[in-house]
Amino acid sequence: MSLCGEKWVRNDFSGAGKIAVFMGEYRPTLDEKGRVAIPSKIRKAFEGAEPDSAYVVAPGFDRCVMAFREEDWRRFVEEKLAPHSHADPDHRKKCRFLLGGASVCELDKQGRILVPSNLSDYASLARDVVIIGVYDRFEIWDARAYDAYRPGGDALESFARDLGL
């Protein structure tokens, strides 16, 4: 199954051990109350067995905000965090970082979520933001930070070599 739009695509590779991949870029704005509109194409791409009226948002790596469908968040926690020992101090730090900063955000009638202030501050979100699809989640970035982070030149050549292209 493919849901294709101008900027968003969900490719369903759900057969035998494969995953759904979300990709694309969108540039909405954060309003004065800290709300951001989730593009309708991404809301449709995240439709599944459970209602898509809420997302789990958590601190992301590289100073962004990660957002998951609730079922994808549960799978992330079960597969990436739960199997490890809480006796390991590094694992406890990871859990505190990811779980301690996470929140459930419900969509309002206009398709917006309120980004919690702790996450907005963590990611230094200003008015202009970028939402990008990344596998089973999307990320919310400050636009200036994302534009500075985006690879170019030598990094892209290295990516091509690593992929054998």
N, C-alpha and C. Protein backbone atom coordinates (compact mmCIF):
# COMPACT_ATOMS: atom_id res chain seq x y z
N MET A 1 0.84 -1.17 0.00
CA MET A 1 0.00 0.00 0.00
C MET A 1 0.88 1.23 0.00
N SER A 2 0.52 2.23 -0.78
CA SER A 2 1.23 3.50 -0.76
C SER A 2 0.23 4.62 -0.63
N LEU A 3 0.51 5.54 0.26
CA LEU A 3 -0.24 6.78 0.36
C LEU A 3 0.73 7.84 -0.12
N CYS A 4 0.42 8.45 -1.24
CA CYS A 4 1.35 9.40 -1.81
C CYS A 4 0.72 10.78 -1.85
N GLY A 5 1.49 11.75 -1.53
CA GLY A 5 1.08 13.13 -1.63
C GLY A 5 2.26 13.92 -2.14
N GLU A 6 2.10 15.22 -2.19
CA GLU A 6 3.17 16.04 -2.71
C GLU A 6 4.44 15.90 -1.88
N LYS A 7 4.28 15.80 -0.56
CA LYS A 7 5.47 15.76 0.29
C LYS A 7 5.55 14.53 1.18
N TRP A 8 4.48 13.77 1.35
CA TRP A 8 4.47 12.66 2.30
C TRP A 8 4.18 11.36 1.61
N VAL A 9 4.88 10.35 1.99
CA VAL A 9 4.65 9.01 1.45
C VAL A 9 4.76 8.01 2.59
N ARG A 10 3.86 7.06 2.65
CA ARG A 10 4.01 5.91 3.54
C ARG A 10 4.09 4.70 2.64
N ASN A 11 5.16 4.01 2.73
CA ASN A 11 5.31 2.76 2.00
C ASN A 11 5.11 1.64 2.99
N ASP A 12 4.17 0.78 2.71
CA ASP A 12 3.87 -0.33 3.61
C ASP A 12 4.62 -1.56 3.13
N PHE A 13 5.73 -1.83 3.80
CA PHE A 13 6.53 -3.01 3.52
C PHE A 13 6.29 -4.02 4.63
N SER A 14 5.02 -4.22 4.99
CA SER A 14 4.71 -4.95 6.20
C SER A 14 4.76 -6.47 6.06
N GLY A 15 5.09 -6.98 4.91
CA GLY A 15 5.22 -8.43 4.79
C GLY A 15 6.44 -8.91 5.55
N ALA A 16 6.48 -10.14 5.92
CA ALA A 16 7.58 -10.87 6.56
C ALA A 16 8.73 -10.02 7.09
N GLY A 17 8.53 -9.46 8.27
CA GLY A 17 9.61 -8.78 8.97
C GLY A 17 9.94 -7.40 8.45
N LYS A 18 9.12 -6.84 7.60
CA LYS A 18 9.40 -5.51 7.07
C LYS A 18 8.53 -4.50 7.80
N ILE A 19 8.92 -3.21 7.69
CA ILE A 19 8.24 -2.16 8.45
C ILE A 19 7.64 -1.11 7.52
N ALA A 20 6.75 -0.31 8.07
CA ALA A 20 6.22 0.84 7.35
C ALA A 20 7.25 1.96 7.45
N VAL A 21 7.49 2.63 6.35
CA VAL A 21 8.49 3.70 6.32
C VAL A 21 7.79 5.00 6.01
N PHE A 22 7.99 5.99 6.88
CA PHE A 22 7.43 7.32 6.69
C PHE A 22 8.56 8.24 6.26
N MET A 23 8.28 9.08 5.27
CA MET A 23 9.31 9.98 4.79
C MET A 23 8.68 11.27 4.29
N GLY A 24 9.47 12.29 4.16
CA GLY A 24 8.99 13.56 3.63
C GLY A 24 9.33 14.70 4.56
N GLU A 25 9.06 15.90 4.09
CA GLU A 25 9.37 17.12 4.83
C GLU A 25 8.23 18.11 4.68
N TYR A 26 7.93 18.80 5.77
CA TYR A 26 6.87 19.80 5.78
C TYR A 26 7.31 20.93 6.70
N ARG A 27 6.93 22.15 6.39
CA ARG A 27 7.38 23.32 7.16
C ARG A 27 6.21 24.15 7.67
N PRO A 28 5.58 23.69 8.75
CA PRO A 28 4.52 24.49 9.37
C PRO A 28 5.11 25.51 10.34
N THR A 29 4.25 26.20 11.06
CA THR A 29 4.73 27.13 12.08
C THR A 29 4.18 26.71 13.45
N LEU A 30 4.92 27.07 14.47
CA LEU A 30 4.51 26.87 15.85
C LEU A 30 3.77 28.13 16.26
N ASP A 31 2.55 28.02 16.77
CA ASP A 31 1.83 29.23 17.14
C ASP A 31 2.28 29.73 18.51
N GLU A 32 1.73 30.85 18.94
CA GLU A 32 2.15 31.49 20.19
C GLU A 32 1.84 30.63 21.43
N LYS A 33 0.94 29.66 21.29
CA LYS A 33 0.61 28.77 22.41
C LYS A 33 1.44 27.48 22.38
N GLY A 34 2.32 27.34 21.38
CA GLY A 34 3.16 26.15 21.30
C GLY A 34 2.52 25.00 20.55
N ARG A 35 1.50 25.29 19.74
CA ARG A 35 0.83 24.25 18.96
C ARG A 35 1.39 24.22 17.54
N VAL A 36 1.45 23.02 16.98
CA VAL A 36 1.88 22.86 15.59
C VAL A 36 0.87 21.96 14.89
N ALA A 37 0.51 22.35 13.67
CA ALA A 37 -0.41 21.54 12.87
C ALA A 37 0.35 20.35 12.29
N ILE A 38 -0.17 19.17 12.53
CA ILE A 38 0.39 17.96 11.94
C ILE A 38 -0.24 17.82 10.56
N PRO A 39 0.57 17.80 9.52
CA PRO A 39 0.01 17.75 8.16
C PRO A 39 -0.98 16.60 8.00
N SER A 40 -2.06 16.88 7.27
CA SER A 40 -3.08 15.84 7.09
C SER A 40 -2.50 14.60 6.44
N LYS A 41 -1.54 14.77 5.56
CA LYS A 41 -0.94 13.60 4.90
C LYS A 41 -0.21 12.71 5.90
N ILE A 42 0.42 13.30 6.89
CA ILE A 42 1.10 12.47 7.89
C ILE A 42 0.08 11.83 8.82
N ARG A 43 -1.00 12.55 9.14
CA ARG A 43 -2.04 11.94 9.98
C ARG A 43 -2.65 10.75 9.25
N LYS A 44 -2.88 10.87 7.96
CA LYS A 44 -3.43 9.75 7.19
C LYS A 44 -2.43 8.62 7.09
N ALA A 45 -1.15 8.95 6.93
CA ALA A 45 -0.13 7.91 6.83
C ALA A 45 -0.01 7.12 8.12
N PHE A 46 -0.32 7.74 9.25
CA PHE A 46 -0.22 7.07 10.53
C PHE A 46 -1.49 6.33 10.92
N GLU A 47 -2.51 6.35 10.06
CA GLU A 47 -3.72 5.61 10.38
C GLU A 47 -3.39 4.13 10.45
N GLY A 48 -4.06 3.45 11.35
CA GLY A 48 -3.79 2.02 11.50
C GLY A 48 -4.86 1.38 12.32
N ALA A 49 -4.47 0.37 13.04
CA ALA A 49 -5.41 -0.40 13.84
C ALA A 49 -5.98 0.42 14.98
N GLU A 50 -5.19 1.34 15.51
CA GLU A 50 -5.66 2.16 16.61
C GLU A 50 -5.90 3.57 16.11
N PRO A 51 -6.79 4.32 16.76
CA PRO A 51 -7.07 5.68 16.32
C PRO A 51 -5.80 6.53 16.37
N ASP A 52 -5.73 7.50 15.45
CA ASP A 52 -4.55 8.35 15.40
C ASP A 52 -4.82 9.71 16.02
N SER A 53 -5.62 9.73 17.09
CA SER A 53 -5.97 11.00 17.70
C SER A 53 -4.93 11.48 18.71
N ALA A 54 -3.93 10.68 18.98
CA ALA A 54 -2.90 11.08 19.93
C ALA A 54 -1.55 10.52 19.50
N TYR A 55 -0.52 11.24 19.87
CA TYR A 55 0.85 10.83 19.61
C TYR A 55 1.64 10.88 20.91
N VAL A 56 2.67 10.07 21.00
CA VAL A 56 3.60 10.19 22.11
C VAL A 56 4.77 11.01 21.59
N VAL A 57 5.07 12.09 22.28
CA VAL A 57 6.20 12.93 21.92
C VAL A 57 7.27 12.76 22.99
N ALA A 58 8.52 12.75 22.54
CA ALA A 58 9.64 12.50 23.45
C ALA A 58 10.85 13.27 22.94
N PRO A 59 11.80 13.50 23.83
CA PRO A 59 13.02 14.17 23.36
C PRO A 59 13.72 13.28 22.34
N GLY A 60 14.09 13.88 21.23
CA GLY A 60 14.77 13.14 20.18
C GLY A 60 16.27 13.36 20.26
N PHE A 61 16.94 12.60 19.47
CA PHE A 61 18.39 12.74 19.42
C PHE A 61 18.67 13.92 18.50
N ASP A 62 19.79 14.57 18.67
CA ASP A 62 20.16 15.72 17.85
C ASP A 62 19.27 16.94 18.11
N ARG A 63 18.70 17.03 19.30
CA ARG A 63 17.91 18.19 19.73
C ARG A 63 16.66 18.44 18.89
N CYS A 64 15.89 17.38 18.68
CA CYS A 64 14.59 17.51 18.03
C CYS A 64 13.55 16.85 18.95
N VAL A 65 12.30 16.85 18.53
CA VAL A 65 11.23 16.17 19.24
C VAL A 65 10.78 15.00 18.35
N MET A 66 10.75 13.79 18.92
CA MET A 66 10.25 12.62 18.19
C MET A 66 8.77 12.45 18.53
N ALA A 67 7.99 12.02 17.54
CA ALA A 67 6.57 11.75 17.76
C ALA A 67 6.21 10.40 17.15
N PHE A 68 5.54 9.58 17.93
CA PHE A 68 5.15 8.23 17.53
C PHE A 68 3.65 8.05 17.70
N ARG A 69 3.06 7.16 16.90
CA ARG A 69 1.74 6.66 17.26
C ARG A 69 1.92 5.91 18.56
N GLU A 70 0.88 5.83 19.37
CA GLU A 70 1.02 5.17 20.67
C GLU A 70 1.48 3.72 20.52
N GLU A 71 0.96 3.00 19.54
CA GLU A 71 1.36 1.59 19.36
C GLU A 71 2.83 1.48 18.94
N ASP A 72 3.31 2.43 18.14
CA ASP A 72 4.72 2.41 17.73
C ASP A 72 5.63 2.77 18.90
N TRP A 73 5.15 3.67 19.78
CA TRP A 73 5.92 4.01 20.98
C TRP A 73 6.05 2.79 21.89
N ARG A 74 4.94 2.08 22.10
CA ARG A 74 4.98 0.87 22.93
C ARG A 74 5.99 -0.13 22.36
N ARG A 75 5.96 -0.31 21.05
CA ARG A 75 6.90 -1.24 20.41
C ARG A 75 8.35 -0.75 20.59
N PHE A 76 8.57 0.54 20.44
CA PHE A 76 9.91 1.12 20.64
C PHE A 76 10.40 0.84 22.06
N VAL A 77 9.56 1.08 23.05
CA VAL A 77 9.94 0.85 24.45
C VAL A 77 10.18 -0.63 24.70
N GLU A 78 9.27 -1.48 24.22
CA GLU A 78 9.40 -2.92 24.44
C GLU A 78 10.65 -3.50 23.78
N GLU A 79 10.97 -3.01 22.58
CA GLU A 79 12.11 -3.59 21.85
C GLU A 79 13.44 -2.94 22.19
N LYS A 80 13.44 -1.64 22.47
CA LYS A 80 14.71 -0.93 22.64
C LYS A 80 15.08 -0.67 24.10
N LEU A 81 14.10 -0.57 24.98
CA LEU A 81 14.40 -0.23 26.37
C LEU A 81 14.16 -1.38 27.34
N ALA A 82 13.01 -2.03 27.23
CA ALA A 82 12.63 -3.06 28.20
C ALA A 82 13.61 -4.24 28.30
N PRO A 83 14.22 -4.68 27.21
CA PRO A 83 15.09 -5.86 27.32
C PRO A 83 16.38 -5.64 28.12
N HIS A 84 16.73 -4.41 28.38
CA HIS A 84 18.00 -4.12 29.03
C HIS A 84 17.85 -4.01 30.55
N SER A 85 18.91 -4.29 31.25
CA SER A 85 18.90 -4.30 32.70
C SER A 85 18.90 -2.88 33.29
N HIS A 86 18.03 -2.68 34.27
CA HIS A 86 18.01 -1.39 34.97
C HIS A 86 19.16 -1.29 35.96
N ALA A 87 19.91 -2.35 36.10
CA ALA A 87 21.11 -2.31 36.94
C ALA A 87 22.23 -1.54 36.23
N ASP A 88 22.12 -1.38 34.93
CA ASP A 88 23.12 -0.68 34.13
C ASP A 88 22.86 0.83 34.21
N PRO A 89 23.80 1.60 34.77
CA PRO A 89 23.59 3.05 34.92
C PRO A 89 23.37 3.77 33.60
N ASP A 90 24.02 3.33 32.52
CA ASP A 90 23.81 3.97 31.22
C ASP A 90 22.39 3.73 30.72
N HIS A 91 21.88 2.53 30.96
CA HIS A 91 20.50 2.23 30.55
C HIS A 91 19.51 3.09 31.33
N ARG A 92 19.75 3.26 32.61
CA ARG A 92 18.87 4.11 33.41
C ARG A 92 18.85 5.54 32.88
N LYS A 93 20.00 6.04 32.46
CA LYS A 93 20.07 7.39 31.88
C LYS A 93 19.23 7.47 30.60
N LYS A 94 19.34 6.45 29.76
CA LYS A 94 18.55 6.42 28.53
C LYS A 94 17.06 6.43 28.83
N CYS A 95 16.66 5.60 29.80
CA CYS A 95 15.24 5.54 30.17
C CYS A 95 14.75 6.87 30.72
N ARG A 96 15.55 7.47 31.58
CA ARG A 96 15.15 8.77 32.15
C ARG A 96 15.02 9.83 31.06
N PHE A 97 15.97 9.83 30.14
CA PHE A 97 15.95 10.80 29.04
C PHE A 97 14.70 10.61 28.18
N LEU A 98 14.47 9.38 27.73
CA LEU A 98 13.37 9.13 26.79
C LEU A 98 12.01 9.09 27.47
N LEU A 99 11.89 8.33 28.54
CA LEU A 99 10.59 8.16 29.20
C LEU A 99 10.23 9.34 30.08
N GLY A 100 11.23 9.89 30.76
CA GLY A 100 10.97 11.03 31.64
C GLY A 100 10.51 12.26 30.90
N GLY A 101 10.96 12.42 29.66
CA GLY A 101 10.58 13.58 28.88
C GLY A 101 9.38 13.36 27.98
N ALA A 102 8.84 12.15 27.96
CA ALA A 102 7.74 11.83 27.03
C ALA A 102 6.39 12.28 27.56
N SER A 103 5.50 12.57 26.62
CA SER A 103 4.12 12.96 26.94
C SER A 103 3.20 12.46 25.83
N VAL A 104 1.94 12.26 26.19
CA VAL A 104 0.93 11.95 25.18
C VAL A 104 0.29 13.28 24.78
N CYS A 105 0.24 13.54 23.49
CA CYS A 105 -0.35 14.77 22.96
C CYS A 105 -1.52 14.40 22.06
N GLU A 106 -2.67 14.94 22.38
CA GLU A 106 -3.85 14.66 21.58
C GLU A 106 -4.02 15.73 20.51
N LEU A 107 -4.52 15.29 19.37
CA LEU A 107 -4.82 16.23 18.29
C LEU A 107 -6.07 17.02 18.64
N ASP A 108 -6.05 18.33 18.37
CA ASP A 108 -7.27 19.11 18.53
C ASP A 108 -8.07 19.03 17.23
N LYS A 109 -9.19 19.74 17.17
CA LYS A 109 -10.07 19.65 16.00
C LYS A 109 -9.42 20.20 14.73
N GLN A 110 -8.39 21.02 14.88
CA GLN A 110 -7.67 21.56 13.73
C GLN A 110 -6.46 20.71 13.35
N GLY A 111 -6.28 19.55 13.99
CA GLY A 111 -5.17 18.67 13.66
C GLY A 111 -3.84 19.14 14.23
N ARG A 112 -3.88 19.88 15.35
CA ARG A 112 -2.65 20.38 15.97
C ARG A 112 -2.38 19.62 17.25
N ILE A 113 -1.09 19.59 17.62
CA ILE A 113 -0.72 19.11 18.94
C ILE A 113 -0.03 20.25 19.67
N LEU A 114 -0.17 20.24 20.97
CA LEU A 114 0.54 21.19 21.82
C LEU A 114 1.86 20.53 22.21
N VAL A 115 2.96 21.12 21.76
CA VAL A 115 4.28 20.58 22.10
C VAL A 115 4.57 21.00 23.54
N PRO A 116 4.77 20.06 24.45
CA PRO A 116 5.03 20.42 25.85
C PRO A 116 6.25 21.35 25.95
N SER A 117 6.18 22.27 26.89
CA SER A 117 7.24 23.28 27.00
C SER A 117 8.61 22.67 27.26
N ASN A 118 8.67 21.55 28.02
CA ASN A 118 9.98 20.93 28.24
C ASN A 118 10.61 20.46 26.94
N LEU A 119 9.79 19.97 26.02
CA LEU A 119 10.31 19.50 24.74
C LEU A 119 10.58 20.65 23.77
N SER A 120 9.72 21.64 23.81
CA SER A 120 9.94 22.83 22.99
C SER A 120 11.24 23.52 23.39
N ASP A 121 11.47 23.63 24.69
CA ASP A 121 12.73 24.22 25.18
C ASP A 121 13.92 23.34 24.81
N TYR A 122 13.80 22.04 24.99
CA TYR A 122 14.88 21.11 24.68
C TYR A 122 15.31 21.24 23.22
N ALA A 123 14.33 21.33 22.31
CA ALA A 123 14.63 21.40 20.87
C ALA A 123 14.79 22.83 20.39
N SER A 124 14.70 23.80 21.29
CA SER A 124 14.82 25.23 20.93
C SER A 124 13.88 25.60 19.79
N LEU A 125 12.64 25.12 19.88
CA LEU A 125 11.69 25.38 18.81
C LEU A 125 11.29 26.85 18.80
N ALA A 126 11.39 27.46 17.64
CA ALA A 126 10.94 28.83 17.42
C ALA A 126 9.69 28.76 16.54
N ARG A 127 9.28 29.86 15.98
CA ARG A 127 8.07 29.90 15.17
C ARG A 127 8.13 28.95 13.98
N ASP A 128 9.23 28.97 13.25
CA ASP A 128 9.37 28.15 12.05
C ASP A 128 9.95 26.79 12.43
N VAL A 129 9.22 25.73 12.09
CA VAL A 129 9.66 24.38 12.40
C VAL A 129 9.64 23.52 11.14
N VAL A 130 10.29 22.39 11.23
CA VAL A 130 10.30 21.41 10.15
C VAL A 130 9.82 20.09 10.74
N ILE A 131 8.90 19.44 10.04
CA ILE A 131 8.45 18.10 10.41
C ILE A 131 8.95 17.17 9.33
N ILE A 132 9.69 16.13 9.74
CA ILE A 132 10.18 15.16 8.76
C ILE A 132 9.73 13.75 9.16
N GLY A 133 9.39 12.96 8.18
CA GLY A 133 9.04 11.56 8.42
C GLY A 133 10.30 10.73 8.52
N VAL A 134 10.40 9.90 9.56
CA VAL A 134 11.59 9.07 9.78
C VAL A 134 11.12 7.68 10.22
N TYR A 135 11.04 6.76 9.27
CA TYR A 135 10.63 5.38 9.53
C TYR A 135 9.26 5.31 10.19
N ASP A 136 9.22 4.94 11.49
CA ASP A 136 7.95 4.73 12.19
C ASP A 136 7.55 5.93 13.04
N ARG A 137 8.14 7.07 12.80
CA ARG A 137 7.86 8.27 13.60
C ARG A 137 8.08 9.50 12.74
N PHE A 138 7.73 10.65 13.32
CA PHE A 138 8.15 11.89 12.69
C PHE A 138 8.89 12.72 13.71
N GLU A 139 9.70 13.64 13.23
CA GLU A 139 10.48 14.50 14.09
C GLU A 139 10.10 15.95 13.85
N ILE A 140 10.12 16.73 14.93
CA ILE A 140 9.85 18.16 14.85
C ILE A 140 11.14 18.88 15.21
N TRP A 141 11.61 19.70 14.30
CA TRP A 141 12.86 20.42 14.45
C TRP A 141 12.62 21.92 14.38
N ASP A 142 13.46 22.69 15.04
CA ASP A 142 13.53 24.12 14.77
C ASP A 142 14.08 24.24 13.35
N ALA A 143 13.48 25.10 12.52
CA ALA A 143 13.86 25.17 11.10
C ALA A 143 15.33 25.56 10.92
N ARG A 144 15.81 26.51 11.69
CA ARG A 144 17.22 26.91 11.54
C ARG A 144 18.15 25.77 11.95
N ALA A 145 17.81 25.09 13.03
CA ALA A 145 18.65 23.97 13.49
C ALA A 145 18.66 22.86 12.45
N TYR A 146 17.49 22.55 11.87
CA TYR A 146 17.44 21.48 10.87
C TYR A 146 18.22 21.86 9.62
N ASP A 147 18.08 23.11 9.18
CA ASP A 147 18.80 23.55 7.98
C ASP A 147 20.31 23.49 8.20
N ALA A 148 20.76 23.79 9.42
CA ALA A 148 22.20 23.71 9.73
C ALA A 148 22.64 22.25 9.84
N TYR A 149 21.76 21.38 10.31
CA TYR A 149 22.07 19.96 10.51
C TYR A 149 22.09 19.18 9.19
N ARG A 150 21.23 19.59 8.27
CA ARG A 150 21.05 18.85 7.01
C ARG A 150 22.40 18.66 6.31
N PRO A 151 22.70 17.43 5.94
CA PRO A 151 24.00 17.17 5.31
C PRO A 151 24.08 17.72 3.89
N GLY A 152 25.28 17.97 3.47
CA GLY A 152 25.53 18.43 2.11
C GLY A 152 26.95 18.08 1.72
N GLY A 153 27.30 18.34 0.48
CA GLY A 153 28.66 18.20 -0.01
C GLY A 153 29.30 16.85 0.28
N ASP A 154 30.40 16.89 1.05
CA ASP A 154 31.18 15.68 1.34
C ASP A 154 30.35 14.62 2.07
N ALA A 155 29.45 15.07 2.96
CA ALA A 155 28.62 14.10 3.70
C ALA A 155 27.72 13.32 2.74
N LEU A 156 27.17 13.99 1.74
CA LEU A 156 26.32 13.30 0.77
C LEU A 156 27.12 12.33 -0.09
N GLU A 157 28.33 12.73 -0.43
CA GLU A 157 29.20 11.81 -1.19
C GLU A 157 29.51 10.57 -0.35
N SER A 158 29.75 10.77 0.94
CA SER A 158 30.02 9.65 1.84
C SER A 158 28.79 8.74 1.95
N PHE A 159 27.59 9.34 2.05
CA PHE A 159 26.35 8.56 2.09
C PHE A 159 26.25 7.67 0.85
N ALA A 160 26.51 8.27 -0.31
CA ALA A 160 26.41 7.52 -1.57
C ALA A 160 27.38 6.34 -1.57
N ARG A 161 28.62 6.58 -1.12
CA ARG A 161 29.61 5.49 -1.05
C ARG A 161 29.14 4.39 -0.11
N ASP A 162 28.64 4.80 1.08
CA ASP A 162 28.18 3.82 2.06
C ASP A 162 27.04 2.96 1.52
N LEU A 163 26.21 3.55 0.67
CA LEU A 163 25.07 2.84 0.09
C LEU A 163 25.44 2.10 -1.20
N GLY A 164 26.69 2.26 -1.63
CA GLY A 164 27.12 1.60 -2.85
C GLY A 164 26.56 2.22 -4.10
N LEU A 165 26.29 3.51 -4.05
CA LEU A 165 25.72 4.19 -5.22
C LEU A 165 26.76 4.97 -5.98
